[in-house]
Amino acid sequence: MLLNCYQIDLIEAGCDEAGRGCLAGPVVAAAVILPKDFYLEGLTDSKQLTHKQREQLRPIIEREALAWAVAMVDHEEIDRINILNASFLAMHRALDQLLLRPEYLVIDGNRFKAYQDVKHACIVKGDGKYLNIAAASILAKTHRDEYMANLDVDFPMYDWKKNKGYPTIAHRNAVINIGPSPYHRKTFNVTSPQLTIKF
């Protein structure tokens, strides 16, 4: 069972991102502050949930969170500053938008660039340990999926409605055969063996 938060003394925001390993589109981050007694059946790491489950949880999180925000860094910025820095920047932008100022941050993963003077902890697989990070993972994922599905209307040949920009074999083949779209990240190698398929 996931814990509500990492510590209980300070107002805590959970942060996570989606789209880091994609060939196209933005990286999207979310920051979420939940009530102390928050509980939501089925809330866990977004990667463990189906698309339908994530879509069902999203409006509940958005309605019941004390504060939440989603922000993105687009493909051009990713190419300029690299994907790691872009992930940090997306989280900073989400934190900037919170209507309630957090006093402590919990970040999914093992690295983060400090946000202002707010203390933080990096937690590997945090989206499977803490509800506020899990909630952030769901908001980041669902907002990004929605964005990519909208782009798919104009670029159906890449099947973004289905793969969301991740490097599936069909997506890679489309880039190789058709060429990249204006939304593809130029610094990502389409045939790179380290790119793994994750939804």
Protein backbone atom coordinates (compact mmCIF):
# COMPACT_ATOMS: atom_id res chain seq x y z
CA MET A 1 0.00 0.00 0.00
CA LEU A 2 1.28 3.45 -0.93
CA LEU A 3 1.97 6.01 1.78
CA ASN A 4 0.24 9.37 1.61
CA CYS A 5 3.48 11.39 1.75
CA TYR A 6 7.19 11.20 2.58
CA GLN A 7 7.04 13.47 5.64
CA ILE A 8 4.19 15.01 7.62
CA ASP A 9 5.52 18.27 9.07
CA LEU A 10 5.62 20.39 5.91
CA ILE A 11 3.29 20.98 2.95
CA GLU A 12 4.54 18.42 0.45
CA ALA A 13 4.24 18.27 -3.34
CA GLY A 14 4.87 15.12 -5.34
CA CYS A 15 6.46 15.55 -8.78
CA ASP A 16 6.82 13.27 -11.78
CA GLU A 17 7.22 13.53 -15.53
CA ALA A 18 6.12 11.69 -18.66
CA GLY A 19 7.61 11.49 -22.13
CA ARG A 20 11.29 11.41 -21.32
CA GLY A 21 12.03 8.46 -23.61
CA CYS A 22 9.88 9.59 -26.55
CA LEU A 23 11.04 10.37 -30.07
CA ALA A 24 8.50 13.16 -30.50
CA GLY A 25 6.54 15.70 -28.53
CA PRO A 26 7.16 17.42 -25.20
CA VAL A 27 8.20 16.16 -21.81
CA VAL A 28 5.33 16.89 -19.40
CA ALA A 29 5.59 17.19 -15.63
CA ALA A 30 3.03 17.44 -12.86
CA ALA A 31 3.16 18.62 -9.26
CA VAL A 32 0.45 17.58 -6.82
CA ILE A 33 -0.32 18.48 -3.19
CA LEU A 34 -2.80 16.08 -1.60
CA PRO A 35 -4.80 16.41 1.62
CA LYS A 36 -3.17 14.65 4.59
CA ASP A 37 -5.96 12.06 4.82
CA PHE A 38 -6.23 11.51 1.05
CA TYR A 39 -6.93 8.01 -0.22
CA LEU A 40 -8.03 6.89 -3.66
CA GLU A 41 -8.70 3.26 -4.51
CA GLY A 42 -6.47 2.09 -7.35
CA LEU A 43 -4.06 5.02 -7.23
CA THR A 44 -0.56 3.80 -8.01
CA ASP A 45 2.29 4.24 -10.51
CA SER A 46 0.70 5.23 -13.82
CA LYS A 47 2.74 2.58 -15.67
CA GLN A 48 0.90 -0.12 -13.70
CA LEU A 49 -2.49 1.16 -14.87
CA THR A 50 -4.42 0.92 -18.11
CA HIS A 51 -5.28 3.98 -20.17
CA LYS A 52 -8.89 3.69 -19.00
CA GLN A 53 -7.89 3.47 -15.32
CA ARG A 54 -5.67 6.55 -15.61
CA GLU A 55 -8.44 8.50 -17.29
CA GLN A 56 -10.86 7.56 -14.51
CA LEU A 57 -8.44 8.62 -11.75
CA ARG A 58 -7.39 11.92 -13.34
CA PRO A 59 -10.57 13.98 -12.65
CA ILE A 60 -10.74 12.72 -9.07
CA ILE A 61 -7.14 13.77 -8.43
CA GLU A 62 -7.72 17.15 -10.04
CA ARG A 63 -10.88 17.71 -8.01
CA GLU A 64 -9.64 16.55 -4.61
CA ALA A 65 -6.01 17.72 -4.60
CA LEU A 66 -5.26 20.81 -2.52
CA ALA A 67 -3.27 22.05 -5.52
CA TRP A 68 -2.05 20.60 -8.81
CA ALA A 69 -0.36 21.84 -11.97
CA VAL A 70 0.94 20.43 -15.24
CA ALA A 71 3.63 21.98 -17.42
CA MET A 72 5.64 21.02 -20.47
CA VAL A 73 8.94 21.58 -22.24
CA ASP A 74 8.59 21.19 -26.00
CA HIS A 75 10.75 19.22 -28.44
CA GLU A 76 12.77 22.28 -29.49
CA GLU A 77 13.71 23.13 -25.91
CA ILE A 78 14.58 19.47 -25.31
CA ASP A 79 17.00 19.60 -28.24
CA ARG A 80 18.56 22.80 -26.87
CA ILE A 81 19.06 21.85 -23.23
CA ASN A 82 18.90 17.99 -23.32
CA ILE A 83 16.18 15.74 -21.96
CA LEU A 84 17.41 15.58 -18.36
CA ASN A 85 17.47 19.36 -17.97
CA ALA A 86 14.15 19.57 -19.81
CA SER A 87 12.59 17.16 -17.28
CA PHE A 88 13.80 19.34 -14.40
CA LEU A 89 12.55 22.48 -16.14
CA ALA A 90 9.10 20.97 -16.73
CA MET A 91 8.86 20.14 -13.02
CA HIS A 92 9.97 23.67 -12.07
CA ARG A 93 7.31 25.13 -14.36
CA ALA A 94 4.64 22.94 -12.79
CA LEU A 95 5.75 24.01 -9.31
CA ASP A 96 5.64 27.67 -10.40
CA GLN A 97 1.94 27.24 -11.21
CA LEU A 98 0.84 25.71 -7.90
CA LEU A 99 -1.67 27.91 -6.09
CA LEU A 100 -0.41 26.57 -2.76
CA ARG A 101 3.31 26.93 -2.10
CA PRO A 102 4.97 23.64 -1.15
CA GLU A 103 7.48 23.51 1.69
CA TYR A 104 8.90 20.12 0.70
CA LEU A 105 9.17 18.23 -2.60
CA VAL A 106 9.33 14.54 -3.36
CA ILE A 107 10.65 13.74 -6.83
CA ASP A 108 10.30 10.45 -8.68
CA GLY A 109 13.78 9.30 -9.68
CA ASN A 110 17.33 9.79 -8.46
CA ARG A 111 18.18 13.30 -9.69
CA PHE A 112 16.68 16.77 -9.47
CA LYS A 113 17.79 20.37 -9.76
CA ALA A 114 16.83 22.22 -6.56
CA TYR A 115 13.74 24.40 -6.86
CA GLN A 116 14.22 27.80 -5.23
CA ASP A 117 14.89 27.23 -1.51
CA VAL A 118 12.48 24.31 -1.12
CA LYS A 119 13.91 21.12 0.38
CA HIS A 120 13.47 17.97 -1.67
CA ALA A 121 14.02 14.22 -1.66
CA CYS A 122 14.57 12.07 -4.74
CA ILE A 123 12.89 8.67 -4.48
CA VAL A 124 13.63 5.88 -6.94
CA LYS A 125 10.34 4.29 -8.03
CA GLY A 126 8.61 6.87 -5.87
CA ASP A 127 5.45 6.65 -7.99
CA GLY A 128 4.96 3.18 -6.55
CA LYS A 129 5.61 4.29 -2.96
CA TYR A 130 3.85 7.62 -2.36
CA LEU A 131 0.36 8.72 -3.37
CA ASN A 132 1.35 12.30 -4.23
CA ILE A 133 4.02 11.11 -6.69
CA ALA A 134 1.63 8.51 -8.12
CA ALA A 135 -0.98 11.24 -8.60
CA ALA A 136 1.61 13.42 -10.35
CA SER A 137 2.59 10.51 -12.60
CA ILE A 138 -1.05 10.04 -13.66
CA LEU A 139 -1.60 13.73 -14.39
CA ALA A 140 1.64 14.03 -16.35
CA LYS A 141 0.88 10.89 -18.36
CA THR A 142 -2.78 11.65 -19.13
CA HIS A 143 -2.16 15.29 -20.08
CA ARG A 144 0.71 14.27 -22.35
CA ASP A 145 -1.29 11.43 -23.93
CA GLU A 146 -4.09 13.89 -24.68
CA TYR A 147 -1.62 16.33 -26.27
CA MET A 148 -0.12 13.60 -28.49
CA ALA A 149 -3.56 12.32 -29.51
CA ASN A 150 -4.43 15.84 -30.67
CA LEU A 151 -1.20 16.03 -32.71
CA ASP A 152 -2.08 12.67 -34.27
CA VAL A 153 -4.99 14.32 -36.11
CA ASP A 154 -2.51 16.17 -38.35
CA PHE A 155 0.21 13.47 -38.36
CA PRO A 156 -1.66 10.12 -38.47
CA MET A 157 1.24 8.40 -40.27
CA TYR A 158 3.23 8.20 -37.00
CA ASP A 159 0.34 6.62 -35.03
CA TRP A 160 0.85 8.94 -32.04
CA LYS A 161 -2.71 8.29 -30.90
CA LYS A 162 -1.52 4.78 -30.09
CA ASN A 163 2.21 5.07 -29.31
CA LYS A 164 2.16 8.64 -27.86
CA GLY A 165 5.56 9.34 -29.43
CA TYR A 166 7.37 6.41 -27.82
CA PRO A 167 9.84 4.48 -30.01
CA THR A 168 7.74 1.52 -31.08
CA ILE A 169 9.00 -0.40 -34.09
CA ALA A 170 6.18 1.02 -36.25
CA HIS A 171 6.98 4.56 -35.11
CA ARG A 172 10.69 4.15 -35.84
CA ASN A 173 9.93 2.68 -39.27
CA ALA A 174 7.61 5.60 -40.07
CA VAL A 175 10.35 8.11 -39.21
CA ILE A 176 12.90 6.20 -41.30
CA ASN A 177 10.55 5.80 -44.30
CA ILE A 178 8.68 9.14 -44.22
CA GLY A 179 11.17 11.33 -42.37
CA PRO A 180 10.66 13.23 -39.11
CA SER A 181 7.74 15.53 -38.38
CA PRO A 182 8.17 19.10 -37.07
CA TYR A 183 7.50 17.65 -33.59
CA HIS A 184 10.27 15.06 -33.56
CA ARG A 185 13.28 15.59 -31.32
CA LYS A 186 16.28 16.09 -33.59
CA THR A 187 18.79 15.01 -30.95
CA PHE A 188 17.17 11.57 -30.49
CA ASN A 189 18.55 8.80 -32.67
CA VAL A 190 15.67 6.78 -34.12
CA THR A 191 17.70 3.58 -34.39
CA SER A 192 19.39 3.96 -31.00
CA PRO A 193 19.38 0.57 -29.25
CA GLN A 194 19.05 2.12 -25.78
CA LEU A 195 15.60 3.48 -26.59
CA THR A 196 13.15 1.06 -25.03
CA ILE A 197 9.43 0.81 -25.56
CA LYS A 198 7.58 1.89 -22.44
CA PHE A 199 4.03 3.06 -22.04
